[in-house]
Protein backbone atom coordinates (compact mmCIF):
# COMPACT_ATOMS: atom_id res chain seq x y z
CA MET A 1 -16.95 -52.14 -7.31
CA MET A 2 -19.54 -51.96 -4.53
CA THR A 3 -18.54 -50.29 -1.28
CA ALA A 4 -19.32 -51.94 2.04
CA PRO A 5 -22.63 -50.66 3.40
CA SER A 6 -22.60 -48.79 6.67
CA LEU A 7 -24.90 -49.53 9.55
CA PRO A 8 -28.07 -47.44 9.71
CA THR A 9 -27.75 -44.41 11.93
CA ASN A 10 -31.28 -44.47 13.35
CA ASP A 11 -32.63 -46.64 16.16
CA ALA A 12 -33.31 -49.64 13.92
CA PRO A 13 -30.39 -51.83 15.03
CA ASP A 14 -31.59 -51.51 18.63
CA LEU A 15 -35.15 -52.39 17.60
CA LEU A 16 -33.91 -55.51 15.85
CA THR A 17 -31.42 -56.59 18.51
CA ASP A 18 -33.96 -56.08 21.31
CA PHE A 19 -36.54 -58.14 19.41
CA LEU A 20 -34.13 -60.98 18.66
CA ARG A 21 -33.01 -61.05 22.31
CA SER A 22 -36.64 -61.21 23.47
CA GLN A 23 -37.22 -64.23 21.21
CA SER A 24 -34.21 -66.15 22.52
CA PRO A 25 -33.57 -65.15 26.15
CA GLY A 26 -30.11 -65.99 27.39
CA ARG A 27 -28.62 -66.30 23.91
CA GLU A 28 -26.91 -63.49 22.05
CA PRO A 29 -28.54 -63.15 18.62
CA VAL A 30 -26.53 -63.56 15.45
CA PRO A 31 -26.16 -60.05 14.02
CA PRO A 32 -27.64 -59.33 10.60
CA LEU A 33 -25.53 -58.74 7.53
CA TRP A 34 -26.10 -55.14 6.41
CA LEU A 35 -26.27 -54.79 2.62
CA ASP A 36 -26.54 -52.20 -0.07
CA GLY A 37 -29.98 -52.37 -1.73
CA SER A 38 -28.40 -53.65 -4.93
CA GLY A 39 -27.16 -56.68 -2.98
CA LEU A 40 -30.68 -57.95 -2.32
CA PRO A 41 -32.31 -60.68 -4.43
CA ASP A 42 -34.87 -59.45 -6.99
CA VAL A 43 -38.15 -59.85 -5.07
CA PRO A 44 -36.88 -58.46 -1.74
CA ARG A 45 -35.25 -55.58 -3.64
CA ARG A 46 -38.59 -54.70 -5.30
CA LEU A 47 -40.38 -54.88 -1.94
CA LEU A 48 -37.79 -53.00 0.12
CA VAL A 49 -35.89 -50.47 -2.00
CA HIS A 50 -38.36 -47.57 -2.25
CA ASP A 51 -39.51 -44.52 -0.31
CA HIS A 52 -43.16 -45.34 0.36
CA GLY A 53 -44.90 -47.34 3.05
CA MET A 54 -44.68 -51.11 3.32
CA THR A 55 -48.36 -51.78 3.94
CA ALA A 56 -49.38 -50.48 0.50
CA THR A 57 -46.36 -52.17 -1.10
CA LEU A 58 -47.24 -55.53 0.44
CA GLU A 59 -50.93 -55.21 -0.43
CA ALA A 60 -50.07 -54.52 -4.08
CA PHE A 61 -47.63 -57.46 -4.17
CA TRP A 62 -49.96 -59.90 -2.41
CA GLY A 63 -53.15 -58.70 -4.10
CA GLU A 64 -54.96 -58.59 -0.76
CA GLN A 65 -55.25 -56.40 2.31
CA MET A 66 -52.85 -56.90 5.17
CA ARG A 67 -54.13 -57.94 8.59
CA LEU A 68 -52.29 -56.68 11.68
CA SER A 69 -51.38 -58.91 14.64
CA VAL A 70 -49.72 -57.04 17.48
CA LEU A 71 -47.22 -59.32 19.20
CA HIS A 72 -45.86 -56.84 21.75
CA THR A 73 -46.40 -53.20 22.64
CA GLU A 74 -44.68 -50.88 25.09
CA GLU A 75 -45.30 -47.17 25.61
CA LYS A 76 -42.74 -44.92 27.30
CA GLY A 77 -43.27 -41.19 27.24
CA ASN A 78 -43.90 -40.10 23.65
CA LEU A 79 -42.67 -43.37 22.13
CA LEU A 80 -44.71 -46.47 21.38
CA ARG A 81 -42.67 -49.51 20.46
CA ARG A 82 -44.44 -52.49 19.02
CA HIS A 83 -43.73 -55.76 17.23
CA VAL A 84 -46.33 -56.64 14.62
CA LEU A 85 -46.98 -59.31 12.06
CA LEU A 86 -48.65 -58.37 8.78
CA SER A 87 -50.42 -61.28 7.11
CA GLY A 88 -52.68 -61.56 4.12
CA ALA A 89 -56.26 -60.93 5.28
CA ALA A 90 -57.63 -63.65 2.99
CA SER A 91 -54.71 -66.10 2.85
CA GLY A 92 -53.45 -65.72 6.41
CA THR A 93 -49.89 -66.05 5.10
CA PRO A 94 -47.31 -63.99 7.01
CA ALA A 95 -45.88 -61.25 4.78
CA GLU A 96 -43.79 -59.16 7.16
CA LEU A 97 -42.61 -58.81 10.72
CA GLY A 98 -42.47 -55.15 11.68
CA LEU A 99 -40.55 -53.71 14.60
CA ILE A 100 -41.53 -50.08 14.96
CA GLU A 101 -40.98 -47.19 17.32
CA ILE A 102 -43.69 -44.57 16.77
CA HIS A 103 -43.27 -40.94 17.83
CA LEU A 104 -46.70 -40.33 19.36
CA ASP A 105 -46.20 -36.58 19.71
CA ALA A 106 -45.79 -36.30 15.91
CA LEU A 107 -49.23 -37.76 15.14
CA PRO A 108 -52.55 -35.97 14.70
CA PRO A 109 -55.24 -37.00 17.22
CA GLY A 110 -57.07 -39.37 14.84
CA ALA A 111 -53.89 -41.26 14.00
CA LEU A 112 -52.88 -41.38 17.65
CA PHE A 113 -56.25 -42.89 18.58
CA ALA A 114 -56.03 -45.48 15.78
CA VAL A 115 -52.45 -46.48 16.71
CA ARG A 116 -53.53 -47.14 20.29
CA GLN A 117 -56.47 -49.26 19.04
CA ARG A 118 -53.94 -51.77 17.62
CA ARG A 119 -56.14 -52.89 14.71
CA ILE A 120 -54.71 -51.26 11.58
CA PRO A 121 -51.15 -51.19 10.17
CA PHE A 122 -49.33 -47.90 10.81
CA GLY A 123 -48.96 -46.94 7.14
CA ALA A 124 -52.66 -47.52 6.56
CA ILE A 125 -53.47 -45.31 9.57
CA LEU A 126 -51.31 -42.49 8.23
CA SER A 127 -52.92 -42.71 4.81
CA ALA A 128 -56.46 -42.84 6.24
CA CYS A 129 -55.72 -39.78 8.41
CA GLY A 130 -54.34 -37.79 5.48
CA VAL A 131 -50.74 -37.80 6.71
CA SER A 132 -48.50 -37.77 3.65
CA PHE A 133 -45.26 -39.56 4.46
CA LYS A 134 -42.12 -40.97 2.95
CA SER A 135 -39.99 -43.84 4.08
CA ARG A 136 -36.26 -43.24 4.03
CA PRO A 137 -34.42 -46.58 4.15
CA ALA A 138 -31.18 -46.35 6.11
CA GLY A 139 -29.97 -49.86 5.34
CA PHE A 140 -30.93 -53.29 4.08
CA LEU A 141 -30.20 -56.57 5.79
CA ARG A 142 -30.14 -60.31 5.60
CA LEU A 143 -30.31 -62.55 8.62
CA VAL A 144 -30.74 -66.23 9.24
CA ALA A 145 -34.07 -67.25 10.76
CA ASN A 146 -33.58 -68.90 14.12
CA ASP A 147 -36.27 -71.27 15.40
CA ASP A 148 -38.34 -68.49 16.99
CA LEU A 149 -38.29 -66.17 13.99
CA ALA A 150 -38.96 -69.11 11.66
CA ARG A 151 -42.02 -70.08 13.73
CA LEU A 152 -43.42 -66.52 13.58
CA LEU A 153 -42.93 -66.18 9.83
CA ARG A 154 -43.79 -69.83 9.08
CA VAL A 155 -40.49 -70.51 7.33
CA THR A 156 -37.81 -73.17 7.76
CA PRO A 157 -35.18 -72.42 10.43
CA GLY A 158 -32.02 -71.29 8.67
CA SER A 159 -33.94 -69.49 5.90
CA ALA A 160 -32.57 -66.17 4.73
CA ILE A 161 -34.74 -63.26 5.88
CA HIS A 162 -34.37 -59.90 4.12
CA GLY A 163 -35.41 -56.56 5.50
CA ARG A 164 -34.74 -52.89 5.85
CA ALA A 165 -34.21 -50.30 8.52
CA THR A 166 -36.14 -47.16 7.71
CA THR A 167 -37.40 -43.87 9.09
CA LEU A 168 -40.87 -42.56 8.24
CA TYR A 169 -41.07 -38.78 7.77
CA ALA A 170 -44.04 -36.45 7.35
CA GLN A 171 -43.78 -34.94 3.87
CA THR A 172 -45.11 -31.57 4.97
CA ASP A 173 -42.48 -30.72 7.58
CA ALA A 174 -40.00 -33.65 7.63
CA ARG A 175 -40.79 -34.51 11.26
CA VAL A 176 -39.93 -38.08 12.22
CA LEU A 177 -43.06 -40.22 12.61
CA ALA A 178 -41.40 -43.56 13.30
CA ASN A 179 -38.29 -45.71 13.01
CA ALA A 180 -38.79 -49.28 11.87
CA VAL A 181 -37.23 -52.56 10.88
CA GLU A 182 -39.31 -54.45 8.33
CA LEU A 183 -38.50 -58.14 7.82
CA LEU A 184 -40.04 -59.96 4.87
CA SER A 185 -41.28 -63.51 5.38
CA GLY A 186 -40.05 -64.61 1.96
CA HIS A 187 -43.43 -66.12 1.12
CA GLN A 188 -44.98 -65.24 -2.22
CA PRO A 189 -48.62 -64.98 -3.26
CA ALA A 190 -50.18 -68.14 -4.69
């Protein structure tokens, strides 16, 4: 018998709620259903239930590099919050919507510079800068795509969207690099 999953303890629910509110001002968003990883369908489970970065996972699944589109960015103190869309560089198909809060003071100078350039996915920056990291999922979710989310991900309104809340840690000293919510588009490679 599966126990009911608990809500993630990191900042991910706030990242998601704030994003959904920004997409539909004046309307309270429908909360996601938090799931155990075993409750996800097969493909989302393979793409979400692991401890490594999503950029590399998506590139392996799609068979192409991911292109970054920054939808929103906000820097306050040592935190940079951004909403990004990762799409196939060749196909242009949306693969993931990422909502991330990056701890700028935990990054080496090269990674910090690259993050502020807004051209490369965060996981790819960490790898290129030699920062070994792990992703520690805190929870998995399913939500229904409203019109705004459906438009971003190029799916039908009402589609089920699966994702995860996760924290990225430096492997060397376990410092927190970022908190994120990663929402899959549900599209599959051709």
